[in-house]
Protein backbone atom coordinates (compact mmCIF):
# COMPACT_ATOMS: atom_id res chain seq x y z
CA UNK A 1 -29.11 -38.21 -40.85
CA UNK A 2 -26.19 -37.25 -38.62
CA UNK A 3 -27.61 -33.75 -38.28
CA UNK A 4 -30.42 -34.98 -35.99
CA UNK A 5 -28.13 -35.99 -33.08
CA UNK A 6 -26.38 -32.62 -33.35
CA UNK A 7 -29.71 -30.75 -33.29
CA UNK A 8 -30.95 -32.85 -30.40
CA UNK A 9 -27.78 -32.19 -28.41
CA UNK A 10 -27.99 -28.45 -29.21
CA UNK A 11 -31.62 -28.35 -28.08
CA UNK A 12 -30.79 -30.09 -24.80
CA UNK A 13 -27.86 -27.75 -24.09
CA UNK A 14 -29.95 -24.71 -24.99
CA UNK A 15 -32.76 -25.76 -22.65
CA UNK A 16 -30.29 -26.50 -19.87
CA UNK A 17 -28.76 -23.05 -20.15
CA UNK A 18 -32.08 -21.19 -20.20
CA UNK A 19 -32.12 -21.14 -16.43
CA UNK A 20 -28.47 -20.09 -16.22
CA UNK A 21 -27.57 -16.53 -15.44
CA UNK A 22 -24.03 -15.33 -15.82
CA UNK A 23 -22.16 -14.64 -12.58
CA UNK A 24 -21.29 -11.03 -13.27
CA UNK A 25 -19.95 -8.76 -10.54
CA UNK A 26 -21.72 -5.43 -10.21
CA UNK A 27 -20.01 -2.62 -12.06
CA UNK A 28 -17.95 -0.40 -9.74
CA UNK A 29 -17.66 3.34 -10.29
CA UNK A 30 -13.88 3.43 -9.81
CA UNK A 31 -13.67 7.22 -9.47
CA UNK A 32 -16.46 7.48 -6.91
CA UNK A 33 -15.24 4.57 -4.76
CA UNK A 34 -11.60 5.75 -4.97
CA UNK A 35 -12.55 9.22 -3.76
CA UNK A 36 -14.48 7.69 -0.83
CA UNK A 37 -11.59 5.37 0.11
CA UNK A 38 -9.13 8.30 0.04
CA UNK A 39 -11.47 10.40 2.20
CA UNK A 40 -11.95 7.57 4.71
CA UNK A 41 -8.19 7.08 5.03
CA UNK A 42 -7.30 10.70 5.91
CA UNK A 43 -8.45 10.59 9.57
CA UNK A 44 -7.10 7.06 9.91
CA UNK A 45 -3.58 7.92 8.66
CA UNK A 46 -2.99 11.36 10.14
CA UNK A 47 -1.14 11.22 13.45
CA UNK A 48 1.91 9.68 15.07
CA UNK A 49 2.69 6.01 14.54
CA UNK A 50 5.24 3.68 16.14
CA UNK A 51 6.82 1.19 13.74
CA UNK A 52 6.12 -1.62 16.22
CA UNK A 53 7.53 -4.46 14.08
CA UNK A 54 9.48 -4.29 10.85
CA UNK A 55 9.89 -7.77 9.38
CA UNK A 56 12.68 -8.18 6.84
CA UNK A 57 13.19 -11.12 4.48
CA UNK A 58 16.51 -10.57 2.72
CA UNK A 59 16.21 -13.75 0.65
CA UNK A 60 12.74 -13.32 -0.86
CA UNK A 61 12.06 -12.89 -4.56
CA UNK A 62 12.98 -9.49 -6.01
CA UNK A 63 14.62 -8.50 -2.73
CA UNK A 64 17.47 -6.04 -2.47
CA UNK A 65 19.62 -6.84 0.58
CA UNK A 66 21.84 -3.82 1.08
CA UNK A 67 22.45 -4.58 4.79
CA UNK A 68 23.88 -8.02 4.05
CA UNK A 69 21.41 -9.71 6.40
CA UNK A 70 21.66 -13.51 6.21
CA UNK A 71 18.31 -14.48 7.76
CA UNK A 72 14.81 -13.15 8.37
CA UNK A 73 14.91 -10.39 10.96
CA UNK A 74 12.40 -8.40 12.99
CA UNK A 75 13.15 -4.88 14.22
CA UNK A 76 10.93 -3.87 17.13
CA UNK A 77 9.96 -0.26 17.88
CA UNK A 78 12.28 0.83 15.10
CA UNK A 79 11.11 4.40 14.56
CA UNK A 80 8.27 6.89 14.96
CA UNK A 81 6.40 8.20 11.93
CA UNK A 82 4.32 11.39 12.00
CA UNK A 83 1.89 11.83 9.10
CA UNK A 84 0.08 15.02 8.02
CA UNK A 85 -1.78 15.84 4.80
CA UNK A 86 0.48 17.62 2.32
CA UNK A 87 -0.13 21.37 2.50
CA UNK A 88 1.06 22.04 -1.03
CA UNK A 89 -0.23 19.68 -3.76
CA UNK A 90 2.46 17.84 -5.70
CA UNK A 91 0.22 17.52 -8.76
CA UNK A 92 -1.99 20.06 -10.43
CA UNK A 93 -4.86 19.74 -10.81
CA UNK A 94 -5.23 17.74 -7.62
CA UNK A 95 -6.66 14.29 -8.28
CA UNK A 96 -9.25 13.40 -5.57
CA UNK A 97 -8.65 9.68 -6.29
CA UNK A 98 -5.19 10.07 -4.73
CA UNK A 99 -3.98 11.55 -1.44
CA UNK A 100 -0.67 13.23 -0.65
CA UNK A 101 1.04 13.15 2.74
CA UNK A 102 4.10 14.69 4.36
CA UNK A 103 5.61 14.19 7.78
CA UNK A 104 8.68 13.06 9.63
CA UNK A 105 10.36 9.85 10.65
CA UNK A 106 12.32 9.76 13.87
CA UNK A 107 15.07 7.15 14.15
CA UNK A 108 18.19 7.11 16.32
CA UNK A 109 17.42 10.50 17.91
CA UNK A 110 17.32 12.07 14.43
CA UNK A 111 14.27 13.35 12.58
CA UNK A 112 13.97 13.33 8.79
CA UNK A 113 11.26 14.77 6.50
CA UNK A 114 9.25 12.20 4.51
CA UNK A 115 6.52 12.12 1.91
CA UNK A 116 4.25 9.63 0.22
CA UNK A 117 1.28 9.67 -2.10
CA UNK A 118 -1.37 6.97 -1.90
CA UNK A 119 -3.53 5.60 -4.67
CA UNK A 120 -6.37 3.07 -4.44
CA UNK A 121 -5.80 -0.64 -4.09
CA UNK A 122 -7.99 -3.70 -4.65
CA UNK A 123 -10.34 -2.47 -1.91
CA UNK A 124 -12.07 -0.35 -4.55
CA UNK A 125 -13.38 -3.44 -6.34
CA UNK A 126 -13.93 -5.98 -3.59
CA UNK A 127 -13.82 -4.30 -0.17
CA UNK A 128 -10.94 -6.68 0.62
CA UNK A 129 -7.18 -6.45 0.48
CA UNK A 130 -5.12 -3.28 0.63
CA UNK A 131 -6.98 0.01 0.61
CA UNK A 132 -4.06 1.77 -1.05
CA UNK A 133 -0.51 1.67 -2.38
CA UNK A 134 2.24 4.18 -1.67
CA UNK A 135 5.82 5.08 -2.49
CA UNK A 136 7.59 6.12 0.72
CA UNK A 137 10.55 8.52 0.42
CA UNK A 138 12.50 11.29 2.09
CA UNK A 139 11.48 14.90 1.37
CA UNK A 140 14.61 16.98 1.84
CA UNK A 141 14.63 20.59 0.63
CA UNK A 142 16.29 21.27 -2.71
CA UNK A 143 20.04 21.79 -2.50
CA UNK A 144 23.01 19.99 -1.05
CA UNK A 145 22.35 17.42 1.65
CA UNK A 146 24.84 15.40 3.70
CA UNK A 147 23.59 11.84 4.22
CA UNK A 148 23.72 10.80 7.86
CA UNK A 149 24.31 7.17 8.97
CA UNK A 150 20.78 6.89 10.44
CA UNK A 151 19.03 7.93 7.24
CA UNK A 152 21.31 5.68 5.21
CA UNK A 153 20.37 2.71 7.44
CA UNK A 154 16.65 3.30 6.84
CA UNK A 155 17.24 3.36 3.10
CA UNK A 156 19.45 0.25 3.12
CA UNK A 157 16.85 -1.53 5.24
CA UNK A 158 14.37 -1.00 2.40
CA UNK A 159 12.06 1.45 4.14
CA UNK A 160 12.91 4.47 1.99
CA UNK A 161 12.16 4.57 -1.75
CA UNK A 162 10.00 1.48 -1.42
CA UNK A 163 6.47 0.78 -2.63
CA UNK A 164 4.08 -0.62 -0.02
CA UNK A 165 0.50 -1.78 0.10
CA UNK A 166 -1.41 -0.21 2.99
CA UNK A 167 -4.14 -1.80 5.09
CA UNK A 168 -5.99 -0.30 8.03
CA UNK A 169 -9.14 -1.06 9.94
CA UNK A 170 -11.08 2.15 10.25
CA UNK A 171 -11.36 3.27 13.86
CA UNK A 172 -8.55 0.96 15.02
CA UNK A 173 -5.11 2.23 16.11
CA UNK A 174 -3.23 -0.17 13.83
CA UNK A 175 -1.95 -0.14 10.29
CA UNK A 176 -0.01 -2.60 8.12
CA UNK A 177 2.31 -1.90 5.19
CA UNK A 178 3.52 -4.78 3.02
CA UNK A 179 6.73 -4.20 1.07
CA UNK A 180 6.53 -4.98 -2.63
CA UNK A 181 10.10 -4.74 -3.92
CA UNK A 182 12.87 -4.66 -1.38
CA UNK A 183 13.79 -6.45 1.88
CA UNK A 184 10.84 -5.43 4.06
CA UNK A 185 8.05 -7.99 4.14
CA UNK A 186 5.74 -6.14 6.50
CA UNK A 187 5.57 -3.21 8.91
CA UNK A 188 3.05 -3.28 11.76
CA UNK A 189 2.22 0.20 13.11
CA UNK A 190 0.51 1.27 16.31
CA UNK A 191 -0.93 4.78 16.61
CA UNK A 192 0.42 6.80 19.54
């Protein structure tokens, strides 16, 4: 006799759910969308950029504070970054879902070679958030290299050998990098 209430409840729930449709996001072709995002970013990234504001939070979680800063700091017009597509691929075969860049960073009247590779971010799935992630580093030729105070400062600041998320608005002369591991919270760029 107790089976009847169970069957009745099951029938009611079943009828209620007949009109329900699962809220399933459309399937994204990761490869295709990644290739498009990388292609869209090339004309946006290539050029000369002023590091208009570099915001540093030395006390945040997972932060490395090699400059011994004691409070949040903002460096204005810190450096100039020139970005060009890498002429020689760093990976073979070249993966069209990633992009490789070279260039220079000018700081303190000195110019240093840089490189970074970008790979797709959450933009691929939702059209929101960072379009890409990158690891920013120097690109000195093989062999002995004497470290200059200016390049050491940029590394201690957390700019060099740091992973960033990258956001741009296509057609706009601005770009934002958010630091993921070291002291830099955010860099706001303006294209020259």
